[in-house]
Amino acid sequence: MKEGIHPDYHEITIVMTDGTSYQTRSTYGKPGDTLRLEIDPKSHPAWTGGQHRLVDAGGQLARFNKRFQGFGIKR
């Protein structure tokens, strides 16, 4: 490996949305930093089967739904 071109690889703590945490190695931040997740496999609809809803940040989802509300398959 070439010296001086790779980022520092160290241990950090990951905190999930339900408060559980685990240690992993990453290039994020500094050694010992904590990364708090807003969306993870325990809360994202893709993994939960749609039981949870994503928060509409800035009304983007509402604008999308309004723009494409009549769009669909015509029978």
PDB file of N, CA and C in Angstrom:
ATOM      1  N   MET A   1       0.846  -1.170   0.000  1.00  0.00           N
ATOM      2  CA  MET A   1       0.000   0.000   0.000  1.00  0.00           C
ATOM      3  C   MET A   1       0.896   1.239   0.000  1.00  0.00           C
ATOM      4  N   LYS A   2       0.567   2.216  -0.807  1.00  0.00           N
ATOM      5  CA  LYS A   2       1.344   3.440  -0.903  1.00  0.00           C
ATOM      6  C   LYS A   2       1.153   4.283   0.361  1.00  0.00           C
ATOM      7  N   GLU A   3       2.207   4.803   0.913  1.00  0.00           N
ATOM      8  CA  GLU A   3       2.148   5.587   2.147  1.00  0.00           C
ATOM      9  C   GLU A   3       1.600   6.991   1.902  1.00  0.00           C
ATOM     10  N   GLY A   4       0.794   7.490   2.850  1.00  0.00           N
ATOM     11  CA  GLY A   4       0.349   8.873   2.846  1.00  0.00           C
ATOM     12  C   GLY A   4      -0.832   9.222   1.962  1.00  0.00           C
ATOM     13  N   ILE A   5      -1.431   8.247   1.259  1.00  0.00           N
ATOM     14  CA  ILE A   5      -2.559   8.591   0.380  1.00  0.00           C
ATOM     15  C   ILE A   5      -3.895   8.032   0.868  1.00  0.00           C
ATOM     16  N   HIS A   6      -3.849   7.175   1.888  1.00  0.00           N
ATOM     17  CA  HIS A   6      -5.071   6.540   2.359  1.00  0.00           C
ATOM     18  C   HIS A   6      -5.595   7.234   3.613  1.00  0.00           C
ATOM     19  N   PRO A   7      -6.930   7.351   3.758  1.00  0.00           N
ATOM     20  CA  PRO A   7      -7.496   7.973   4.959  1.00  0.00           C
ATOM     21  C   PRO A   7      -7.262   7.095   6.193  1.00  0.00           C
ATOM     22  N   ASP A   8      -7.288   7.716   7.354  1.00  0.00           N
ATOM     23  CA  ASP A   8      -7.127   7.007   8.618  1.00  0.00           C
ATOM     24  C   ASP A   8      -8.313   6.067   8.832  1.00  0.00           C
ATOM     25  N   TYR A   9      -8.031   4.830   9.176  1.00  0.00           N
ATOM     26  CA  TYR A   9      -9.053   3.804   9.389  1.00  0.00           C
ATOM     27  C   TYR A   9      -9.037   3.461  10.872  1.00  0.00           C
ATOM     28  N   HIS A  10     -10.137   3.750  11.590  1.00  0.00           N
ATOM     29  CA  HIS A  10     -10.161   3.636  13.038  1.00  0.00           C
ATOM     30  C   HIS A  10     -11.530   3.152  13.518  1.00  0.00           C
ATOM     31  N   GLU A  11     -11.656   2.911  14.830  1.00  0.00           N
ATOM     32  CA  GLU A  11     -12.919   2.438  15.407  1.00  0.00           C
ATOM     33  C   GLU A  11     -13.831   3.601  15.757  1.00  0.00           C
ATOM     34  N   ILE A  12     -15.141   3.444  15.426  1.00  0.00           N
ATOM     35  CA  ILE A  12     -16.177   4.403  15.794  1.00  0.00           C
ATOM     36  C   ILE A  12     -17.364   3.626  16.344  1.00  0.00           C
ATOM     37  N   THR A  13     -18.312   4.334  16.931  1.00  0.00           N
ATOM     38  CA  THR A  13     -19.530   3.725  17.457  1.00  0.00           C
ATOM     39  C   THR A  13     -20.706   4.131  16.577  1.00  0.00           C
ATOM     40  N   ILE A  14     -21.504   3.164  16.146  1.00  0.00           N
ATOM     41  CA  ILE A  14     -22.710   3.413  15.360  1.00  0.00           C
ATOM     42  C   ILE A  14     -23.906   3.283  16.305  1.00  0.00           C
ATOM     43  N   VAL A  15     -24.805   4.292  16.317  1.00  0.00           N
ATOM     44  CA  VAL A  15     -26.004   4.240  17.149  1.00  0.00           C
ATOM     45  C   VAL A  15     -27.213   4.172  16.217  1.00  0.00           C
ATOM     46  N   MET A  16     -27.990   3.092  16.357  1.00  0.00           N
ATOM     47  CA  MET A  16     -29.165   2.872  15.519  1.00  0.00           C
ATOM     48  C   MET A  16     -30.323   3.745  16.009  1.00  0.00           C
ATOM     49  N   THR A  17     -31.427   3.783  15.250  1.00  0.00           N
ATOM     50  CA  THR A  17     -32.574   4.621  15.601  1.00  0.00           C
ATOM     51  C   THR A  17     -33.251   4.178  16.895  1.00  0.00           C
ATOM     52  N   ASP A  18     -33.140   2.899  17.246  1.00  0.00           N
ATOM     53  CA  ASP A  18     -33.764   2.419  18.491  1.00  0.00           C
ATOM     54  C   ASP A  18     -32.846   2.542  19.702  1.00  0.00           C
ATOM     55  N   GLY A  19     -31.650   3.101  19.513  1.00  0.00           N
ATOM     56  CA  GLY A  19     -30.728   3.322  20.618  1.00  0.00           C
ATOM     57  C   GLY A  19     -29.644   2.273  20.771  1.00  0.00           C
ATOM     58  N   THR A  20     -29.770   1.138  20.091  1.00  0.00           N
ATOM     59  CA  THR A  20     -28.722   0.130  20.175  1.00  0.00           C
ATOM     60  C   THR A  20     -27.474   0.649  19.470  1.00  0.00           C
ATOM     61  N   SER A  21     -26.321   0.150  19.884  1.00  0.00           N
ATOM     62  CA  SER A  21     -25.080   0.622  19.280  1.00  0.00           C
ATOM     63  C   SER A  21     -24.115  -0.538  19.092  1.00  0.00           C
ATOM     64  N   TYR A  22     -23.151  -0.331  18.229  1.00  0.00           N
ATOM     65  CA  TYR A  22     -22.094  -1.311  18.017  1.00  0.00           C
ATOM     66  C   TYR A  22     -20.835  -0.601  17.535  1.00  0.00           C
ATOM     67  N   GLN A  23     -19.716  -1.258  17.694  1.00  0.00           N
ATOM     68  CA  GLN A  23     -18.422  -0.728  17.264  1.00  0.00           C
ATOM     69  C   GLN A  23     -18.096  -1.265  15.880  1.00  0.00           C
ATOM     70  N   THR A  24     -17.501  -0.417  15.059  1.00  0.00           N
ATOM     71  CA  THR A  24     -17.037  -0.842  13.743  1.00  0.00           C
ATOM     72  C   THR A  24     -15.829   0.001  13.363  1.00  0.00           C
ATOM     73  N   ARG A  25     -15.176  -0.365  12.296  1.00  0.00           N
ATOM     74  CA  ARG A  25     -14.043   0.416  11.802  1.00  0.00           C
ATOM     75  C   ARG A  25     -14.491   1.204  10.592  1.00  0.00           C
ATOM     76  N   SER A  26     -14.017   2.463  10.496  1.00  0.00           N
ATOM     77  CA  SER A  26     -14.467   3.351   9.435  1.00  0.00           C
ATOM     78  C   SER A  26     -13.453   4.471   9.227  1.00  0.00           C
ATOM     79  N   THR A  27     -13.629   5.217   8.141  1.00  0.00           N
ATOM     80  CA  THR A  27     -12.834   6.421   7.909  1.00  0.00           C
ATOM     81  C   THR A  27     -13.596   7.660   8.355  1.00  0.00           C
ATOM     82  N   TYR A  28     -14.816   7.495   8.912  1.00  0.00           N
ATOM     83  CA  TYR A  28     -15.651   8.596   9.367  1.00  0.00           C
ATOM     84  C   TYR A  28     -15.045   9.255  10.604  1.00  0.00           C
ATOM     85  N   GLY A  29     -14.965  10.574  10.624  1.00  0.00           N
ATOM     86  CA  GLY A  29     -14.577  11.334  11.810  1.00  0.00           C
ATOM     87  C   GLY A  29     -13.218  10.991  12.359  1.00  0.00           C
ATOM     88  N   LYS A  30     -13.147  11.024  13.713  1.00  0.00           N
ATOM     89  CA  LYS A  30     -11.911  10.735  14.433  1.00  0.00           C
ATOM     90  C   LYS A  30     -12.105   9.454  15.242  1.00  0.00           C
ATOM     91  N   PRO A  31     -11.017   8.854  15.688  1.00  0.00           N
ATOM     92  CA  PRO A  31     -11.159   7.654  16.524  1.00  0.00           C
ATOM     93  C   PRO A  31     -12.046   7.933  17.736  1.00  0.00           C
ATOM     94  N   GLY A  32     -13.007   7.043  18.000  1.00  0.00           N
ATOM     95  CA  GLY A  32     -13.907   7.185  19.143  1.00  0.00           C
ATOM     96  C   GLY A  32     -15.157   7.996  18.863  1.00  0.00           C
ATOM     97  N   ASP A  33     -15.310   8.578  17.664  1.00  0.00           N
ATOM     98  CA  ASP A  33     -16.515   9.349  17.326  1.00  0.00           C
ATOM     99  C   ASP A  33     -17.750   8.456  17.297  1.00  0.00           C
ATOM    100  N   THR A  34     -18.931   9.087  17.363  1.00  0.00           N
ATOM    101  CA  THR A  34     -20.205   8.380  17.317  1.00  0.00           C
ATOM    102  C   THR A  34     -20.989   8.833  16.095  1.00  0.00           C
ATOM    103  N   LEU A  35     -21.490   7.880  15.320  1.00  0.00           N
ATOM    104  CA  LEU A  35     -22.321   8.154  14.152  1.00  0.00           C
ATOM    105  C   LEU A  35     -23.740   7.738  14.491  1.00  0.00           C
ATOM    106  N   ARG A  36     -24.671   8.706  14.564  1.00  0.00           N
ATOM    107  CA  ARG A  36     -26.075   8.425  14.882  1.00  0.00           C
ATOM    108  C   ARG A  36     -26.871   8.359  13.578  1.00  0.00           C
ATOM    109  N   LEU A  37     -27.533   7.234  13.349  1.00  0.00           N
ATOM    110  CA  LEU A  37     -28.287   7.025  12.120  1.00  0.00           C
ATOM    111  C   LEU A  37     -29.710   7.551  12.249  1.00  0.00           C
ATOM    112  N   GLU A  38     -30.215   8.186  11.192  1.00  0.00           N
ATOM    113  CA  GLU A  38     -31.608   8.634  11.153  1.00  0.00           C
ATOM    114  C   GLU A  38     -32.487   7.567  10.523  1.00  0.00           C
ATOM    115  N   ILE A  39     -31.939   6.815   9.586  1.00  0.00           N
ATOM    116  CA  ILE A  39     -32.655   5.718   8.929  1.00  0.00           C
ATOM    117  C   ILE A  39     -31.717   4.521   8.926  1.00  0.00           C
ATOM    118  N   ASP A  40     -32.219   3.383   9.341  1.00  0.00           N
ATOM    119  CA  ASP A  40     -31.434   2.152   9.342  1.00  0.00           C
ATOM    120  C   ASP A  40     -32.342   0.977   8.979  1.00  0.00           C
ATOM    121  N   PRO A  41     -31.809  -0.218   8.853  1.00  0.00           N
ATOM    122  CA  PRO A  41     -32.645  -1.362   8.474  1.00  0.00           C
ATOM    123  C   PRO A  41     -33.799  -1.650   9.428  1.00  0.00           C
ATOM    124  N   LYS A  42     -33.728  -1.147  10.664  1.00  0.00           N
ATOM    125  CA  LYS A  42     -34.815  -1.377  11.614  1.00  0.00           C
ATOM    126  C   LYS A  42     -35.970  -0.396  11.422  1.00  0.00           C
ATOM    127  N   SER A  43     -35.739   0.715  10.700  1.00  0.00           N
ATOM    128  CA  SER A  43     -36.792   1.723  10.559  1.00  0.00           C
ATOM    129  C   SER A  43     -37.141   2.057   9.118  1.00  0.00           C
ATOM    130  N   HIS A  44     -36.400   1.576   8.143  1.00  0.00           N
ATOM    131  CA  HIS A  44     -36.644   1.925   6.741  1.00  0.00           C
ATOM    132  C   HIS A  44     -37.709   1.009   6.145  1.00  0.00           C
ATOM    133  N   PRO A  45     -38.704   1.575   5.447  1.00  0.00           N
ATOM    134  CA  PRO A  45     -39.797   0.767   4.886  1.00  0.00           C
ATOM    135  C   PRO A  45     -39.340  -0.343   3.934  1.00  0.00           C
ATOM    136  N   ALA A  46     -38.204  -0.172   3.292  1.00  0.00           N
ATOM    137  CA  ALA A  46     -37.719  -1.207   2.377  1.00  0.00           C
ATOM    138  C   ALA A  46     -37.416  -2.504   3.115  1.00  0.00           C
ATOM    139  N   TRP A  47     -37.006  -2.420   4.376  1.00  0.00           N
ATOM    140  CA  TRP A  47     -36.696  -3.612   5.157  1.00  0.00           C
ATOM    141  C   TRP A  47     -37.819  -3.999   6.115  1.00  0.00           C
ATOM    142  N   THR A  48     -38.691  -3.055   6.467  1.00  0.00           N
ATOM    143  CA  THR A  48     -39.737  -3.352   7.448  1.00  0.00           C
ATOM    144  C   THR A  48     -41.057  -3.725   6.802  1.00  0.00           C
ATOM    145  N   GLY A  49     -41.154  -3.666   5.495  1.00  0.00           N
ATOM    146  CA  GLY A  49     -42.397  -4.001   4.817  1.00  0.00           C
ATOM    147  C   GLY A  49     -43.397  -2.859   4.840  1.00  0.00           C
ATOM    148  N   GLY A  50     -42.927  -1.629   5.020  1.00  0.00           N
ATOM    149  CA  GLY A  50     -43.803  -0.470   4.966  1.00  0.00           C
ATOM    150  C   GLY A  50     -44.514  -0.161   6.268  1.00  0.00           C
ATOM    151  N   GLN A  51     -44.091  -0.749   7.374  1.00  0.00           N
ATOM    152  CA  GLN A  51     -44.747  -0.499   8.649  1.00  0.00           C
ATOM    153  C   GLN A  51     -44.445   0.896   9.181  1.00  0.00           C
ATOM    154  N   HIS A  52     -43.269   1.420   8.881  1.00  0.00           N
ATOM    155  CA  HIS A  52     -42.894   2.758   9.322  1.00  0.00           C
ATOM    156  C   HIS A  52     -43.008   3.725   8.155  1.00  0.00           C
ATOM    157  N   ARG A  53     -43.204   4.996   8.449  1.00  0.00           N
ATOM    158  CA  ARG A  53     -43.289   6.015   7.408  1.00  0.00           C
ATOM    159  C   ARG A  53     -42.074   6.906   7.504  1.00  0.00           C
ATOM    160  N   LEU A  54     -41.535   7.302   6.359  1.00  0.00           N
ATOM    161  CA  LEU A  54     -40.419   8.240   6.339  1.00  0.00           C
ATOM    162  C   LEU A  54     -40.929   9.650   6.576  1.00  0.00           C
ATOM    163  N   VAL A  55     -40.142  10.471   7.258  1.00  0.00           N
ATOM    164  CA  VAL A  55     -40.511  11.851   7.524  1.00  0.00           C
ATOM    165  C   VAL A  55     -40.314  12.652   6.243  1.00  0.00           C
ATOM    166  N   ASP A  56     -41.319  13.450   5.881  1.00  0.00           N
ATOM    167  CA  ASP A  56     -41.264  14.262   4.668  1.00  0.00           C
ATOM    168  C   ASP A  56     -40.434  15.511   4.940  1.00  0.00           C
ATOM    169  N   ALA A  57     -39.183  15.499   4.505  1.00  0.00           N
ATOM    170  CA  ALA A  57     -38.281  16.623   4.750  1.00  0.00           C
ATOM    171  C   ALA A  57     -38.511  17.703   3.708  1.00  0.00           C
ATOM    172  N   GLY A  58     -38.959  18.863   4.141  1.00  0.00           N
ATOM    173  CA  GLY A  58     -39.113  20.001   3.241  1.00  0.00           C
ATOM    174  C   GLY A  58     -40.287  19.903   2.295  1.00  0.00           C
ATOM    175  N   GLY A  59     -41.217  19.005   2.516  1.00  0.00           N
ATOM    176  CA  GLY A  59     -42.392  18.891   1.671  1.00  0.00           C
ATOM    177  C   GLY A  59     -42.135  18.267   0.314  1.00  0.00           C
ATOM    178  N   GLN A  60     -40.992  17.656   0.125  1.00  0.00           N
ATOM    179  CA  GLN A  60     -40.655  17.068  -1.177  1.00  0.00           C
ATOM    180  C   GLN A  60     -41.600  15.938  -1.542  1.00  0.00           C
ATOM    181  N   LEU A  61     -41.929  15.109  -0.569  1.00  0.00           N
ATOM    182  CA  LEU A  61     -42.829  13.990  -0.835  1.00  0.00           C
ATOM    183  C   LEU A  61     -44.228  14.495  -1.184  1.00  0.00           C
ATOM    184  N   ALA A  62     -44.691  15.519  -0.490  1.00  0.00           N
ATOM    185  CA  ALA A  62     -46.011  16.094  -0.769  1.00  0.00           C
ATOM    186  C   ALA A  62     -46.050  16.702  -2.170  1.00  0.00           C
ATOM    187  N   ARG A  63     -44.992  17.415  -2.559  1.00  0.00           N
ATOM    188  CA  ARG A  63     -44.936  18.002  -3.917  1.00  0.00           C
ATOM    189  C   ARG A  63     -44.913  16.909  -4.977  1.00  0.00           C
ATOM    190  N   PHE A  64     -44.167  15.826  -4.724  1.00  0.00           N
ATOM    191  CA  PHE A  64     -44.108  14.723  -5.670  1.00  0.00           C
ATOM    192  C   PHE A  64     -45.488  14.091  -5.831  1.00  0.00           C
ATOM    193  N   ASN A  65     -46.153  13.805  -4.710  1.00  0.00           N
ATOM    194  CA  ASN A  65     -47.481  13.186  -4.770  1.00  0.00           C
ATOM    195  C   ASN A  65     -48.489  14.084  -5.482  1.00  0.00           C
ATOM    196  N   LYS A  66     -48.445  15.389  -5.239  1.00  0.00           N
ATOM    197  CA  LYS A  66     -49.359  16.317  -5.889  1.00  0.00           C
ATOM    198  C   LYS A  66     -49.103  16.374  -7.390  1.00  0.00           C
ATOM    199  N   ARG A  67     -47.833  16.380  -7.761  1.00  0.00           N
ATOM    200  CA  ARG A  67     -47.470  16.483  -9.179  1.00  0.00           C
ATOM    201  C   ARG A  67     -47.896  15.243  -9.965  1.00  0.00           C
ATOM    202  N   PHE A  68     -47.784  14.078  -9.353  1.00  0.00           N
ATOM    203  CA  PHE A  68     -48.050  12.841 -10.082  1.00  0.00           C
ATOM    204  C   PHE A  68     -49.303  12.108  -9.602  1.00  0.00           C
ATOM    205  N   GLN A  69     -50.244  12.786  -8.954  1.00  0.00           N
ATOM    206  CA  GLN A  69     -51.422  12.123  -8.411  1.00  0.00           C
ATOM    207  C   GLN A  69     -52.303  11.493  -9.480  1.00  0.00           C
ATOM    208  N   GLY A  70     -52.381  12.055 -10.677  1.00  0.00           N
ATOM    209  CA  GLY A  70     -53.239  11.489 -11.722  1.00  0.00           C
ATOM    210  C   GLY A  70     -52.505  10.525 -12.636  1.00  0.00           C
ATOM    211  N   PHE A  71     -51.226  10.320 -12.379  1.00  0.00           N
ATOM    212  CA  PHE A  71     -50.406   9.460 -13.226  1.00  0.00           C
ATOM    213  C   PHE A  71     -50.626   8.018 -12.835  1.00  0.00           C
ATOM    214  N   GLY A  72     -50.977   7.199 -13.776  1.00  0.00           N
ATOM    215  CA  GLY A  72     -51.197   5.784 -13.474  1.00  0.00           C
ATOM    216  C   GLY A  72     -51.514   5.025 -14.743  1.00  0.00           C
ATOM    217  N   ILE A  73     -51.762   3.766 -14.589  1.00  0.00           N
ATOM    218  CA  ILE A  73     -52.088   2.900 -15.730  1.00  0.00           C
ATOM    219  C   ILE A  73     -53.548   3.081 -16.065  1.00  0.00           C
ATOM    220  N   LYS A  74     -53.832   3.408 -17.307  1.00  0.00           N
ATOM    221  CA  LYS A  74     -55.220   3.587 -17.776  1.00  0.00           C
ATOM    222  C   LYS A  74     -55.722   2.236 -18.259  1.00  0.00           C
ATOM    223  N   ARG A  75     -56.904   1.876 -17.853  1.00  0.00           N
ATOM    224  CA  ARG A  75     -57.455   0.575 -18.250  1.00  0.00           C
ATOM    225  C   ARG A  75     -58.608   0.774 -19.210  1.00  0.00           C
TER     226      ARG A  75
END
